Amino acid sequence: FFSSLSSNTSKYNEIRHVFYDLFKTTPCMPIMLRYAWHDAGTYDKHTNTGGPNGSIRFDTEISHGANAGLPFARTKVEEIKQNF
């Protein structure tokens, strides 16, 4: 999915506008930022593992106590992804 975006600027812009419209109609920017931050926060410099790899979308990670409230963001991202 994402590798196809790197060569398709118009598709990237289309997705960007969908998120922009979401942010205009739903005050969800803070939770979306937190969703990204919690995904990236799994990075371990000693093992060079984790990081912003999308693993937060899986039930085993999203159900971790520190990720409470983030299923809303996951649902919104998945809804947008379904359109592309």
PDB file of N, CA and C in Angstrom:
ATOM      1  N   PHE A   1       0.823  -1.191   0.000  1.00  0.00           N
ATOM      2  CA  PHE A   1       0.000   0.000   0.000  1.00  0.00           C
ATOM      3  C   PHE A   1       0.870   1.259   0.000  1.00  0.00           C
ATOM      4  N   PHE A   2       1.747   1.409   0.997  1.00  0.00           N
ATOM      5  CA  PHE A   2       2.530   2.637   1.115  1.00  0.00           C
ATOM      6  C   PHE A   2       3.604   2.746   0.049  1.00  0.00           C
ATOM      7  N   SER A   3       4.168   1.617  -0.400  1.00  0.00           N
ATOM      8  CA  SER A   3       5.199   1.702  -1.435  1.00  0.00           C
ATOM      9  C   SER A   3       4.624   2.247  -2.730  1.00  0.00           C
ATOM     10  N   SER A   4       3.361   1.987  -3.002  1.00  0.00           N
ATOM     11  CA  SER A   4       2.740   2.524  -4.212  1.00  0.00           C
ATOM     12  C   SER A   4       2.499   4.028  -4.097  1.00  0.00           C
ATOM     13  N   LEU A   5       2.439   4.548  -2.873  1.00  0.00           N
ATOM     14  CA  LEU A   5       2.219   5.981  -2.683  1.00  0.00           C
ATOM     15  C   LEU A   5       3.460   6.801  -3.018  1.00  0.00           C
ATOM     16  N   SER A   6       4.637   6.227  -2.802  1.00  0.00           N
ATOM     17  CA  SER A   6       5.859   6.994  -3.007  1.00  0.00           C
ATOM     18  C   SER A   6       6.012   7.471  -4.446  1.00  0.00           C
ATOM     19  N   SER A   7       5.433   6.746  -5.379  1.00  0.00           N
ATOM     20  CA  SER A   7       5.535   7.151  -6.775  1.00  0.00           C
ATOM     21  C   SER A   7       4.244   7.771  -7.304  1.00  0.00           C
ATOM     22  N   ASN A   8       3.281   7.975  -6.437  1.00  0.00           N
ATOM     23  CA  ASN A   8       1.985   8.480  -6.868  1.00  0.00           C
ATOM     24  C   ASN A   8       1.604   9.700  -6.034  1.00  0.00           C
ATOM     25  N   THR A   9       2.107  10.843  -6.422  1.00  0.00           N
ATOM     26  CA  THR A   9       1.880  12.078  -5.675  1.00  0.00           C
ATOM     27  C   THR A   9       0.406  12.437  -5.606  1.00  0.00           C
ATOM     28  N   SER A  10      -0.325  12.219  -6.673  1.00  0.00           N
ATOM     29  CA  SER A  10      -1.741  12.582  -6.653  1.00  0.00           C
ATOM     30  C   SER A  10      -2.517  11.721  -5.660  1.00  0.00           C
ATOM     31  N   LYS A  11      -2.187  10.436  -5.543  1.00  0.00           N
ATOM     32  CA  LYS A  11      -2.853   9.557  -4.578  1.00  0.00           C
ATOM     33  C   LYS A  11      -2.508   9.987  -3.156  1.00  0.00           C
ATOM     34  N   TYR A  12      -1.250  10.334  -2.920  1.00  0.00           N
ATOM     35  CA  TYR A  12      -0.824  10.822  -1.610  1.00  0.00           C
ATOM     36  C   TYR A  12      -1.606  12.080  -1.241  1.00  0.00           C
ATOM     37  N   ASN A  13      -1.723  13.005  -2.172  1.00  0.00           N
ATOM     38  CA  ASN A  13      -2.465  14.244  -1.915  1.00  0.00           C
ATOM     39  C   ASN A  13      -3.940  13.969  -1.655  1.00  0.00           C
ATOM     40  N   GLU A  14      -4.485  12.993  -2.356  1.00  0.00           N
ATOM     41  CA  GLU A  14      -5.886  12.632  -2.147  1.00  0.00           C
ATOM     42  C   GLU A  14      -6.095  12.111  -0.721  1.00  0.00           C
ATOM     43  N   ILE A  15      -5.207  11.247  -0.270  1.00  0.00           N
ATOM     44  CA  ILE A  15      -5.291  10.709   1.086  1.00  0.00           C
ATOM     45  C   ILE A  15      -5.095  11.824   2.110  1.00  0.00           C
ATOM     46  N   ARG A  16      -4.142  12.689   1.843  1.00  0.00           N
ATOM     47  CA  ARG A  16      -3.878  13.821   2.738  1.00  0.00           C
ATOM     48  C   ARG A  16      -5.131  14.673   2.897  1.00  0.00           C
ATOM     49  N   HIS A  17      -5.853  14.910   1.814  1.00  0.00           N
ATOM     50  CA  HIS A  17      -7.070  15.719   1.871  1.00  0.00           C
ATOM     51  C   HIS A  17      -8.195  15.004   2.628  1.00  0.00           C
ATOM     52  N   VAL A  18      -8.242  13.686   2.518  1.00  0.00           N
ATOM     53  CA  VAL A  18      -9.242  12.930   3.274  1.00  0.00           C
ATOM     54  C   VAL A  18      -8.982  13.097   4.774  1.00  0.00           C
ATOM     55  N   PHE A  19      -7.712  13.009   5.178  1.00  0.00           N
ATOM     56  CA  PHE A  19      -7.380  13.231   6.589  1.00  0.00           C
ATOM     57  C   PHE A  19      -7.673  14.668   6.998  1.00  0.00           C
ATOM     58  N   TYR A  20      -7.362  15.609   6.142  1.00  0.00           N
ATOM     59  CA  TYR A  20      -7.639  17.015   6.438  1.00  0.00           C
ATOM     60  C   TYR A  20      -9.134  17.228   6.657  1.00  0.00           C
ATOM     61  N   ASP A  21      -9.955  16.645   5.788  1.00  0.00           N
ATOM     62  CA  ASP A  21     -11.412  16.760   5.946  1.00  0.00           C
ATOM     63  C   ASP A  21     -11.877  16.107   7.242  1.00  0.00           C
ATOM     64  N   LEU A  22     -11.288  14.975   7.592  1.00  0.00           N
ATOM     65  CA  LEU A  22     -11.619  14.315   8.850  1.00  0.00           C
ATOM     66  C   LEU A  22     -11.313  15.241  10.022  1.00  0.00           C
ATOM     67  N   PHE A  23     -10.152  15.863   9.989  1.00  0.00           N
ATOM     68  CA  PHE A  23      -9.751  16.749  11.082  1.00  0.00           C
ATOM     69  C   PHE A  23     -10.646  17.982  11.178  1.00  0.00           C
ATOM     70  N   LYS A  24     -11.177  18.440  10.037  1.00  0.00           N
ATOM     71  CA  LYS A  24     -12.079  19.589  10.052  1.00  0.00           C
ATOM     72  C   LYS A  24     -13.437  19.230  10.647  1.00  0.00           C
ATOM     73  N   THR A  25     -13.890  18.001  10.433  1.00  0.00           N
ATOM     74  CA  THR A  25     -15.227  17.613  10.865  1.00  0.00           C
ATOM     75  C   THR A  25     -15.246  16.891  12.209  1.00  0.00           C
ATOM     76  N   THR A  26     -14.129  16.349  12.614  1.00  0.00           N
ATOM     77  CA  THR A  26     -14.028  15.599  13.869  1.00  0.00           C
ATOM     78  C   THR A  26     -12.799  16.086  14.622  1.00  0.00           C
ATOM     79  N   PRO A  27     -12.959  16.524  15.833  1.00  0.00           N
ATOM     80  CA  PRO A  27     -11.800  17.024  16.574  1.00  0.00           C
ATOM     81  C   PRO A  27     -10.909  15.875  17.066  1.00  0.00           C
ATOM     82  N   CYS A  28     -10.299  15.163  16.119  1.00  0.00           N
ATOM     83  CA  CYS A  28      -9.553  13.954  16.483  1.00  0.00           C
ATOM     84  C   CYS A  28      -8.046  14.066  16.263  1.00  0.00           C
ATOM     85  N   MET A  29      -7.539  15.251  15.947  1.00  0.00           N
ATOM     86  CA  MET A  29      -6.100  15.375  15.713  1.00  0.00           C
ATOM     87  C   MET A  29      -5.266  14.897  16.891  1.00  0.00           C
ATOM     88  N   PRO A  30      -5.603  15.269  18.127  1.00  0.00           N
ATOM     89  CA  PRO A  30      -4.770  14.809  19.245  1.00  0.00           C
ATOM     90  C   PRO A  30      -4.705  13.285  19.354  1.00  0.00           C
ATOM     91  N   ILE A  31      -5.835  12.606  19.161  1.00  0.00           N
ATOM     92  CA  ILE A  31      -5.818  11.148  19.290  1.00  0.00           C
ATOM     93  C   ILE A  31      -5.082  10.504  18.120  1.00  0.00           C
ATOM     94  N   MET A  32      -5.144  11.112  16.932  1.00  0.00           N
ATOM     95  CA  MET A  32      -4.411  10.577  15.786  1.00  0.00           C
ATOM     96  C   MET A  32      -2.899  10.738  15.998  1.00  0.00           C
ATOM     97  N   LEU A  33      -2.507  11.866  16.554  1.00  0.00           N
ATOM     98  CA  LEU A  33      -1.094  12.075  16.863  1.00  0.00           C
ATOM     99  C   LEU A  33      -0.641  11.084  17.931  1.00  0.00           C
ATOM    100  N   ARG A  34      -1.464  10.879  18.926  1.00  0.00           N
ATOM    101  CA  ARG A  34      -1.133   9.909  19.981  1.00  0.00           C
ATOM    102  C   ARG A  34      -1.028   8.507  19.404  1.00  0.00           C
ATOM    103  N   TYR A  35      -1.906   8.166  18.480  1.00  0.00           N
ATOM    104  CA  TYR A  35      -1.879   6.860  17.806  1.00  0.00           C
ATOM    105  C   TYR A  35      -0.539   6.654  17.102  1.00  0.00           C
ATOM    106  N   ALA A  36      -0.094   7.641  16.365  1.00  0.00           N
ATOM    107  CA  ALA A  36       1.201   7.557  15.672  1.00  0.00           C
ATOM    108  C   ALA A  36       2.354   7.496  16.675  1.00  0.00           C
ATOM    109  N   TRP A  37       2.268   8.312  17.710  1.00  0.00           N
ATOM    110  CA  TRP A  37       3.324   8.357  18.722  1.00  0.00           C
ATOM    111  C   TRP A  37       3.460   7.005  19.429  1.00  0.00           C
ATOM    112  N   HIS A  38       2.341   6.392  19.772  1.00  0.00           N
ATOM    113  CA  HIS A  38       2.398   5.108  20.463  1.00  0.00           C
ATOM    114  C   HIS A  38       2.926   4.005  19.554  1.00  0.00           C
ATOM    115  N   ASP A  39       2.683   4.096  18.279  1.00  0.00           N
ATOM    116  CA  ASP A  39       3.258   3.120  17.353  1.00  0.00           C
ATOM    117  C   ASP A  39       4.772   3.312  17.284  1.00  0.00           C
ATOM    118  N   ALA A  40       5.212   4.549  17.160  1.00  0.00           N
ATOM    119  CA  ALA A  40       6.644   4.846  17.073  1.00  0.00           C
ATOM    120  C   ALA A  40       7.358   4.577  18.389  1.00  0.00           C
ATOM    121  N   GLY A  41       6.650   4.705  19.499  1.00  0.00           N
ATOM    122  CA  GLY A  41       7.260   4.565  20.813  1.00  0.00           C
ATOM    123  C   GLY A  41       7.714   3.166  21.160  1.00  0.00           C
ATOM    124  N   THR A  42       7.484   2.203  20.302  1.00  0.00           N
ATOM    125  CA  THR A  42       7.923   0.837  20.573  1.00  0.00           C
ATOM    126  C   THR A  42       9.378   0.610  20.161  1.00  0.00           C
ATOM    127  N   TYR A  43      10.029   1.633  19.630  1.00  0.00           N
ATOM    128  CA  TYR A  43      11.405   1.478  19.158  1.00  0.00           C
ATOM    129  C   TYR A  43      12.354   1.165  20.314  1.00  0.00           C
ATOM    130  N   ASP A  44      13.226   0.188  20.103  1.00  0.00           N
ATOM    131  CA  ASP A  44      14.251  -0.190  21.082  1.00  0.00           C
ATOM    132  C   ASP A  44      15.606  -0.030  20.420  1.00  0.00           C
ATOM    133  N   LYS A  45      16.390   0.954  20.859  1.00  0.00           N
ATOM    134  CA  LYS A  45      17.668   1.241  20.209  1.00  0.00           C
ATOM    135  C   LYS A  45      18.685   0.123  20.417  1.00  0.00           C
ATOM    136  N   HIS A  46      18.532  -0.670  21.462  1.00  0.00           N
ATOM    137  CA  HIS A  46      19.484  -1.754  21.721  1.00  0.00           C
ATOM    138  C   HIS A  46      19.315  -2.918  20.752  1.00  0.00           C
ATOM    139  N   THR A  47      18.089  -3.165  20.338  1.00  0.00           N
ATOM    140  CA  THR A  47      17.837  -4.271  19.409  1.00  0.00           C
ATOM    141  C   THR A  47      17.478  -3.788  18.013  1.00  0.00           C
ATOM    142  N   ASN A  48      17.331  -2.462  17.877  1.00  0.00           N
ATOM    143  CA  ASN A  48      16.940  -1.864  16.599  1.00  0.00           C
ATOM    144  C   ASN A  48      15.629  -2.469  16.075  1.00  0.00           C
ATOM    145  N   THR A  49      14.694  -2.665  16.993  1.00  0.00           N
ATOM    146  CA  THR A  49      13.394  -3.225  16.621  1.00  0.00           C
ATOM    147  C   THR A  49      12.296  -2.252  17.022  1.00  0.00           C
ATOM    148  N   GLY A  50      11.098  -2.524  16.541  1.00  0.00           N
ATOM    149  CA  GLY A  50       9.948  -1.681  16.858  1.00  0.00           C
ATOM    150  C   GLY A  50       9.952  -0.419  16.035  1.00  0.00           C
ATOM    151  N   GLY A  51       9.368   0.606  16.587  1.00  0.00           N
ATOM    152  CA  GLY A  51       9.290   1.874  15.868  1.00  0.00           C
ATOM    153  C   GLY A  51       8.010   1.999  15.082  1.00  0.00           C
ATOM    154  N   PRO A  52       7.935   3.038  14.252  1.00  0.00           N
ATOM    155  CA  PRO A  52       6.693   3.296  13.497  1.00  0.00           C
ATOM    156  C   PRO A  52       6.522   2.300  12.354  1.00  0.00           C
ATOM    157  N   ASN A  53       6.031   1.123  12.703  1.00  0.00           N
ATOM    158  CA  ASN A  53       5.890   0.054  11.709  1.00  0.00           C
ATOM    159  C   ASN A  53       4.451  -0.405  11.511  1.00  0.00           C
ATOM    160  N   GLY A  54       3.506   0.290  12.146  1.00  0.00           N
ATOM    161  CA  GLY A  54       2.100  -0.063  11.977  1.00  0.00           C
ATOM    162  C   GLY A  54       1.629  -1.198  12.858  1.00  0.00           C
ATOM    163  N   SER A  55       2.476  -1.682  13.762  1.00  0.00           N
ATOM    164  CA  SER A  55       2.085  -2.814  14.606  1.00  0.00           C
ATOM    165  C   SER A  55       0.952  -2.481  15.559  1.00  0.00           C
ATOM    166  N   ILE A  56       0.726  -1.200  15.804  1.00  0.00           N
ATOM    167  CA  ILE A  56      -0.338  -0.807  16.732  1.00  0.00           C
ATOM    168  C   ILE A  56      -1.725  -1.170  16.188  1.00  0.00           C
ATOM    169  N   ARG A  57      -1.816  -1.465  14.930  1.00  0.00           N
ATOM    170  CA  ARG A  57      -3.119  -1.816  14.368  1.00  0.00           C
ATOM    171  C   ARG A  57      -3.555  -3.232  14.762  1.00  0.00           C
ATOM    172  N   PHE A  58      -2.632  -4.027  15.309  1.00  0.00           N
ATOM    173  CA  PHE A  58      -2.956  -5.395  15.702  1.00  0.00           C
ATOM    174  C   PHE A  58      -3.508  -5.424  17.126  1.00  0.00           C
ATOM    175  N   ASP A  59      -4.449  -6.333  17.367  1.00  0.00           N
ATOM    176  CA  ASP A  59      -5.131  -6.407  18.663  1.00  0.00           C
ATOM    177  C   ASP A  59      -4.171  -6.567  19.833  1.00  0.00           C
ATOM    178  N   THR A  60      -3.104  -7.343  19.670  1.00  0.00           N
ATOM    179  CA  THR A  60      -2.195  -7.574  20.791  1.00  0.00           C
ATOM    180  C   THR A  60      -1.540  -6.286  21.265  1.00  0.00           C
ATOM    181  N   GLU A  61      -1.299  -5.360  20.367  1.00  0.00           N
ATOM    182  CA  GLU A  61      -0.677  -4.099  20.785  1.00  0.00           C
ATOM    183  C   GLU A  61      -1.710  -3.036  21.157  1.00  0.00           C
ATOM    184  N   ILE A  62      -2.777  -2.920  20.388  1.00  0.00           N
ATOM    185  CA  ILE A  62      -3.772  -1.878  20.665  1.00  0.00           C
ATOM    186  C   ILE A  62      -4.471  -2.129  22.005  1.00  0.00           C
ATOM    187  N   SER A  63      -4.494  -3.383  22.457  1.00  0.00           N
ATOM    188  CA  SER A  63      -5.169  -3.699  23.716  1.00  0.00           C
ATOM    189  C   SER A  63      -4.283  -3.458  24.942  1.00  0.00           C
ATOM    190  N   HIS A  64      -3.031  -3.087  24.736  1.00  0.00           N
ATOM    191  CA  HIS A  64      -2.144  -2.750  25.853  1.00  0.00           C
ATOM    192  C   HIS A  64      -2.734  -1.555  26.598  1.00  0.00           C
ATOM    193  N   GLY A  65      -2.649  -1.563  27.903  1.00  0.00           N
ATOM    194  CA  GLY A  65      -3.265  -0.523  28.731  1.00  0.00           C
ATOM    195  C   GLY A  65      -2.882   0.895  28.348  1.00  0.00           C
ATOM    196  N   ALA A  66      -1.623   1.105  27.947  1.00  0.00           N
ATOM    197  CA  ALA A  66      -1.167   2.450  27.586  1.00  0.00           C
ATOM    198  C   ALA A  66      -1.834   2.964  26.312  1.00  0.00           C
ATOM    199  N   ASN A  67      -2.438   2.060  25.557  1.00  0.00           N
ATOM    200  CA  ASN A  67      -3.075   2.438  24.298  1.00  0.00           C
ATOM    201  C   ASN A  67      -4.587   2.606  24.427  1.00  0.00           C
ATOM    202  N   ALA A  68      -5.055   2.761  25.649  1.00  0.00           N
ATOM    203  CA  ALA A  68      -6.491   2.949  25.879  1.00  0.00           C
ATOM    204  C   ALA A  68      -6.991   4.164  25.102  1.00  0.00           C
ATOM    205  N   GLY A  69      -8.108   4.004  24.429  1.00  0.00           N
ATOM    206  CA  GLY A  69      -8.708   5.091  23.661  1.00  0.00           C
ATOM    207  C   GLY A  69      -8.256   5.139  22.215  1.00  0.00           C
ATOM    208  N   LEU A  70      -7.217   4.386  21.879  1.00  0.00           N
ATOM    209  CA  LEU A  70      -6.685   4.461  20.515  1.00  0.00           C
ATOM    210  C   LEU A  70      -7.433   3.620  19.480  1.00  0.00           C
ATOM    211  N   PRO A  71      -8.281   2.668  19.868  1.00  0.00           N
ATOM    212  CA  PRO A  71      -9.051   1.962  18.835  1.00  0.00           C
ATOM    213  C   PRO A  71      -9.875   2.905  17.948  1.00  0.00           C
ATOM    214  N   PHE A  72     -10.310   4.045  18.486  1.00  0.00           N
ATOM    215  CA  PHE A  72     -11.030   5.028  17.664  1.00  0.00           C
ATOM    216  C   PHE A  72     -10.155   5.468  16.486  1.00  0.00           C
ATOM    217  N   ALA A  73      -8.902   5.790  16.765  1.00  0.00           N
ATOM    218  CA  ALA A  73      -7.988   6.237  15.710  1.00  0.00           C
ATOM    219  C   ALA A  73      -7.735   5.111  14.721  1.00  0.00           C
ATOM    220  N   ARG A  74      -7.549   3.893  15.232  1.00  0.00           N
ATOM    221  CA  ARG A  74      -7.325   2.751  14.345  1.00  0.00           C
ATOM    222  C   ARG A  74      -8.503   2.567  13.409  1.00  0.00           C
ATOM    223  N   THR A  75      -9.714   2.693  13.926  1.00  0.00           N
ATOM    224  CA  THR A  75     -10.916   2.547  13.101  1.00  0.00           C
ATOM    225  C   THR A  75     -10.954   3.607  12.006  1.00  0.00           C
ATOM    226  N   LYS A  76     -10.650   4.846  12.353  1.00  0.00           N
ATOM    227  CA  LYS A  76     -10.665   5.924  11.354  1.00  0.00           C
ATOM    228  C   LYS A  76      -9.625   5.679  10.261  1.00  0.00           C
ATOM    229  N   VAL A  77      -8.426   5.264  10.652  1.00  0.00           N
ATOM    230  CA  VAL A  77      -7.378   4.995   9.661  1.00  0.00           C
ATOM    231  C   VAL A  77      -7.801   3.832   8.757  1.00  0.00           C
ATOM    232  N   GLU A  78      -8.354   2.796   9.339  1.00  0.00           N
ATOM    233  CA  GLU A  78      -8.801   1.641   8.543  1.00  0.00           C
ATOM    234  C   GLU A  78      -9.933   2.020   7.588  1.00  0.00           C
ATOM    235  N   GLU A  79     -10.847   2.871   8.030  1.00  0.00           N
ATOM    236  CA  GLU A  79     -11.930   3.323   7.143  1.00  0.00           C
ATOM    237  C   GLU A  79     -11.365   4.068   5.941  1.00  0.00           C
ATOM    238  N   ILE A  80     -10.391   4.916   6.187  1.00  0.00           N
ATOM    239  CA  ILE A  80      -9.775   5.665   5.081  1.00  0.00           C
ATOM    240  C   ILE A  80      -9.011   4.715   4.165  1.00  0.00           C
ATOM    241  N   LYS A  81      -8.281   3.792   4.765  1.00  0.00           N
ATOM    242  CA  LYS A  81      -7.484   2.848   3.971  1.00  0.00           C
ATOM    243  C   LYS A  81      -8.368   2.020   3.035  1.00  0.00           C
ATOM    244  N   GLN A  82      -9.564   1.669   3.482  1.00  0.00           N
ATOM    245  CA  GLN A  82     -10.467   0.877   2.661  1.00  0.00           C
ATOM    246  C   GLN A  82     -10.839   1.556   1.363  1.00  0.00           C
ATOM    247  N   ASN A  83     -10.786   2.880   1.338  1.00  0.00           N
ATOM    248  CA  ASN A  83     -11.129   3.634   0.139  1.00  0.00           C
ATOM    249  C   ASN A  83      -9.986   3.734  -0.857  1.00  0.00           C
ATOM    250  N   PHE A  84      -8.817   3.268  -0.472  1.00  0.00           N
ATOM    251  CA  PHE A  84      -7.656   3.380  -1.354  1.00  0.00           C
ATOM    252  C   PHE A  84      -7.050   2.022  -1.561  1.00  0.00           C
TER     253      PHE A  84
END
